[in-house]
Protein backbone atom coordinates (compact mmCIF):
# COMPACT_ATOMS: atom_id res chain seq x y z
CA UNK A 1 87.29 109.30 165.28
CA UNK A 2 86.09 106.30 163.27
CA UNK A 3 86.57 106.29 159.52
CA UNK A 4 83.51 106.32 157.26
CA UNK A 5 83.25 104.01 154.27
CA UNK A 6 80.48 103.81 151.66
CA UNK A 7 80.11 100.32 150.16
CA UNK A 8 78.17 100.16 146.88
CA UNK A 9 77.21 96.85 145.24
CA UNK A 10 73.90 95.35 144.11
CA UNK A 11 74.92 91.95 145.51
CA UNK A 12 73.69 92.21 149.08
CA UNK A 13 75.71 89.27 150.37
CA UNK A 14 78.93 90.93 149.19
CA UNK A 15 77.93 94.20 150.87
CA UNK A 16 77.02 92.37 154.07
CA UNK A 17 80.38 90.60 154.17
CA UNK A 18 82.42 93.75 153.52
CA UNK A 19 80.40 95.72 156.04
CA UNK A 20 80.83 93.12 158.78
CA UNK A 21 84.58 92.92 158.18
CA UNK A 22 85.11 96.69 158.16
CA UNK A 23 82.97 97.21 161.25
CA UNK A 24 85.09 94.63 163.05
CA UNK A 25 87.98 97.05 162.45
CA UNK A 26 86.05 99.92 163.99
CA UNK A 27 84.95 101.61 160.77
CA UNK A 28 81.56 103.21 160.21
CA UNK A 29 79.96 101.70 157.11
CA UNK A 30 77.06 102.94 154.99
CA UNK A 31 75.66 100.78 152.20
CA UNK A 32 74.01 101.45 148.85
CA UNK A 33 72.68 98.94 146.32
CA UNK A 34 72.23 101.01 143.15
CA UNK A 35 73.84 104.00 141.49
CA UNK A 36 71.25 106.59 142.46
CA UNK A 37 71.32 105.54 146.11
CA UNK A 38 75.13 105.71 146.10
CA UNK A 39 75.17 109.20 144.60
CA UNK A 40 72.64 110.46 147.12
CA UNK A 41 74.68 109.02 150.01
CA UNK A 42 77.85 110.69 148.70
CA UNK A 43 76.04 114.02 148.47
CA UNK A 44 74.80 113.72 152.04
CA UNK A 45 78.10 112.76 153.71
CA UNK A 46 81.83 112.99 153.12
CA UNK A 47 83.42 109.53 153.19
CA UNK A 48 87.01 108.55 153.83
CA UNK A 49 86.64 105.92 151.08
CA UNK A 50 83.92 104.89 148.61
CA UNK A 51 84.05 101.24 147.50
CA UNK A 52 82.12 101.28 144.23
CA UNK A 53 81.11 98.38 141.98
CA UNK A 54 81.10 99.00 138.22
CA UNK A 55 77.93 97.05 137.40
CA UNK A 56 75.02 98.74 139.18
CA UNK A 57 71.31 99.30 138.50
CA UNK A 58 70.00 102.79 137.60
CA UNK A 59 73.46 104.38 137.24
CA UNK A 60 76.69 102.52 136.48
CA UNK A 61 79.66 102.79 138.80
CA UNK A 62 81.39 104.90 136.14
CA UNK A 63 78.51 107.38 136.08
CA UNK A 64 78.43 107.55 139.87
CA UNK A 65 82.19 108.11 140.01
CA UNK A 66 82.04 110.83 137.37
CA UNK A 67 79.20 112.66 139.13
CA UNK A 68 80.85 112.42 142.57
CA UNK A 69 83.94 114.04 141.04
CA UNK A 70 81.83 117.08 140.20
CA UNK A 71 81.48 117.93 143.90
CA UNK A 72 84.03 115.91 145.89
CA UNK A 73 87.56 114.47 145.81
CA UNK A 74 86.76 111.72 148.33
CA UNK A 75 88.83 108.59 147.48
CA UNK A 76 87.01 106.05 145.27
CA UNK A 77 88.01 102.41 144.79
CA UNK A 78 86.27 100.69 141.88
CA UNK A 79 85.34 97.00 141.95
CA UNK A 80 85.86 95.60 138.44
CA UNK A 81 85.44 92.24 136.73
CA UNK A 82 88.52 90.04 136.91
CA UNK A 83 90.84 90.59 133.97
CA UNK A 84 88.73 93.34 132.41
CA UNK A 85 91.45 95.90 131.73
CA UNK A 86 89.03 98.25 129.99
CA UNK A 87 86.95 98.57 133.16
CA UNK A 88 90.09 99.41 135.13
CA UNK A 89 91.22 102.07 132.67
CA UNK A 90 87.70 103.53 132.39
CA UNK A 91 87.43 103.70 136.16
CA UNK A 92 90.62 105.74 136.34
CA UNK A 93 89.43 107.92 133.43
CA UNK A 94 86.25 108.75 135.32
CA UNK A 95 88.23 109.77 138.41
CA UNK A 96 88.68 106.63 140.53
CA UNK A 97 91.78 106.47 142.71
CA UNK A 98 92.20 102.71 142.72
CA UNK A 99 90.55 99.47 141.63
CA UNK A 100 90.15 95.92 142.93
CA UNK A 101 89.21 92.98 140.72
CA UNK A 102 86.43 90.52 141.53
CA UNK A 103 86.46 87.96 143.01
CA UNK A 104 88.54 89.56 145.74
CA UNK A 105 89.98 88.59 149.08
CA UNK A 106 88.42 90.64 151.88
CA UNK A 107 91.88 91.06 153.41
CA UNK A 108 93.03 92.79 150.21
CA UNK A 109 89.99 95.08 150.29
CA UNK A 110 90.69 96.04 153.90
CA UNK A 111 94.38 96.59 153.19
CA UNK A 112 93.63 98.81 150.20
CA UNK A 113 91.06 100.87 152.15
CA UNK A 114 93.41 101.31 155.11
CA UNK A 115 96.28 102.31 152.80
CA UNK A 116 94.24 105.11 151.21
CA UNK A 117 93.00 106.32 154.61
CA UNK A 118 96.54 106.22 156.00
CA UNK A 119 98.01 108.20 153.10
CA UNK A 120 95.30 110.83 153.33
CA UNK A 121 95.67 111.02 157.11
CA UNK A 122 99.40 111.68 156.88
CA UNK A 123 98.67 114.86 154.98
CA UNK A 124 96.33 116.12 157.67
CA UNK A 125 98.77 115.61 160.57
CA UNK A 126 102.09 117.33 161.01
CA UNK A 127 101.97 119.44 157.87
CA UNK A 128 103.13 123.03 157.95
CA UNK A 129 100.19 125.38 158.42
CA UNK A 130 98.90 127.05 155.28
CA UNK A 131 101.62 125.71 153.03
CA UNK A 132 100.71 127.51 149.83
CA UNK A 133 102.88 127.15 146.75
CA UNK A 134 102.51 129.22 143.58
CA UNK A 135 103.95 128.74 140.10
CA UNK A 136 102.64 131.22 137.55
CA UNK A 137 98.84 130.93 137.49
CA UNK A 138 98.96 127.67 139.49
CA UNK A 139 98.36 127.91 143.25
CA UNK A 140 98.38 124.86 145.53
CA UNK A 141 97.27 124.85 149.16
CA UNK A 142 98.88 121.71 150.58
CA UNK A 143 97.07 121.87 153.90
CA UNK A 144 93.56 121.93 152.47
CA UNK A 145 94.68 119.98 149.35
CA UNK A 146 93.05 122.53 147.05
CA UNK A 147 94.35 123.65 143.67
CA UNK A 148 93.60 126.88 141.81
CA UNK A 149 94.28 127.99 138.25
CA UNK A 150 93.95 131.76 137.77
CA UNK A 151 92.17 131.86 141.17
CA UNK A 152 89.55 129.35 140.00
CA UNK A 153 89.47 126.11 141.99
CA UNK A 154 90.21 122.89 140.12
CA UNK A 155 88.81 119.68 141.57
CA UNK A 156 91.54 117.01 141.71
CA UNK A 157 91.16 113.44 142.90
CA UNK A 158 93.30 112.30 145.85
CA UNK A 159 95.78 110.54 143.55
CA UNK A 160 95.95 113.44 141.10
CA UNK A 161 96.83 115.74 143.99
CA UNK A 162 99.42 113.27 145.33
CA UNK A 163 101.10 113.16 141.91
CA UNK A 164 101.09 116.94 141.53
CA UNK A 165 102.45 117.47 145.04
CA UNK A 166 105.28 114.98 144.58
CA UNK A 167 106.36 116.38 141.21
CA UNK A 168 105.92 120.01 142.29
CA UNK A 169 108.11 119.69 145.39
CA UNK A 170 110.83 118.01 143.34
CA UNK A 171 111.02 120.32 140.32
CA UNK A 172 112.97 119.15 137.28
CA UNK A 173 113.51 115.71 138.83
CA UNK A 174 112.45 113.06 136.33
CA UNK A 175 110.39 110.22 137.84
CA UNK A 176 109.94 106.97 135.95
CA UNK A 177 106.41 105.62 135.71
CA UNK A 178 107.41 102.69 137.95
CA UNK A 179 108.81 105.11 140.51
CA UNK A 180 105.62 107.17 140.52
CA UNK A 181 103.50 104.02 140.80
CA UNK A 182 105.51 102.80 143.79
CA UNK A 183 105.68 106.18 145.52
CA UNK A 184 102.09 107.35 145.07
CA UNK A 185 100.22 104.03 145.00
CA UNK A 186 102.61 101.95 147.11
CA UNK A 187 104.91 99.00 146.46
CA UNK A 188 102.10 96.52 147.10
CA UNK A 189 99.85 98.07 144.45
CA UNK A 190 99.03 95.40 141.83
CA UNK A 191 98.27 97.81 138.99
CA UNK A 192 100.54 98.72 136.09
CA UNK A 193 102.15 101.88 134.72
CA UNK A 194 99.13 102.69 132.56
CA UNK A 195 97.55 103.86 135.81
CA UNK A 196 100.20 106.60 136.01
CA UNK A 197 99.70 107.63 132.37
CA UNK A 198 95.94 107.99 132.84
CA UNK A 199 96.35 110.12 135.96
CA UNK A 200 99.03 112.33 134.38
CA UNK A 201 96.78 112.92 131.37
CA UNK A 202 93.80 113.80 133.58
CA UNK A 203 95.98 116.09 135.68
CA UNK A 204 97.22 117.91 132.60
CA UNK A 205 93.68 118.35 131.34
CA UNK A 206 92.82 120.09 134.60
CA UNK A 207 95.82 122.34 135.21
CA UNK A 208 97.33 122.99 131.78
CA UNK A 209 96.00 125.63 129.39
CA UNK A 210 97.06 123.40 126.50
CA UNK A 211 97.53 119.78 127.69
CA UNK A 212 99.28 118.81 124.45
CA UNK A 213 101.92 121.50 125.10
CA UNK A 214 102.19 121.39 128.91
CA UNK A 215 103.60 124.26 130.90
CA UNK A 216 104.06 122.41 134.19
CA UNK A 217 104.11 118.61 133.83
CA UNK A 218 106.47 117.50 131.11
CA UNK A 219 107.39 114.15 129.61
CA UNK A 220 110.98 113.00 129.34
CA UNK A 221 110.57 110.58 126.47
CA UNK A 222 111.60 107.05 127.31
CA UNK A 223 112.18 107.98 130.96
CA UNK A 224 109.17 109.47 132.74
CA UNK A 225 107.61 112.73 133.93
CA UNK A 226 108.83 115.90 135.66
CA UNK A 227 107.54 119.27 136.90
CA UNK A 228 109.11 122.39 135.41
CA UNK A 229 108.87 125.53 137.50
C-alpha cells in the first residue's frame, strides 16, 4: 500500500519538485498552497507524513500544525528558514515532529520522510496484540498508540508517544538528552538537544497533573530524564 504525503508550500515550483521526486519513489502525494487548503486536506484524509512550510498565506504553518494536533497525531515535518532557530523551536512547540531548513536537498527531504514512515511502520508490524500498560491513572495502548489519563484520551504527537514508550518500558533508567535524541530521532538527525527538552515539556503538560512536580517523567539534574513507575 503506497504511503500518502501532504506537501504544503506556497511556492509551486518547490511543491512540484517534491511531488515529482516522491512519486518516483511510489508515494501518493497531495498538494496544498495555503494554510486553509492544507488544514482542509488534513481533515479529509489521514497522511503518513505532512510536509508543512512555516510561511503560508491565510494560515501560517504554525497555526495549521496546532489545529491538526487538535484532531490527529499524523507526523508533521516543518520547513523553516535556514538558521532561524526560533522557527524550529516554535514548530516543535506547536506539535511538529521534525523540521528541515530551507534551502534543502531533496534527498534529505526524502530520507527524513522515509525515516518517519519506517519508524511508524515498525510499531504497526510485529507488536504484541493489545499491549496495554497502566501506571496509576495513566493507560497506554501500544498497539493503537493511544494514551489515556483517568480514562480520558490524550492526543500525543508521534514523537511524544515514542518518548513516552521508550521511557515507560525502561522505568528508572536515566537517558541523557543526547541518547534520547539518537534513539527517538535517529543518529542522522541534525537537530540539537533542545528538541528533546521541548518534547519532554509538552509531554508533561499532557500527562502530568502538575507538570512542575511530575509524577511520571522526572529529571535527573545534569544527566537526563527517566520514568518512575
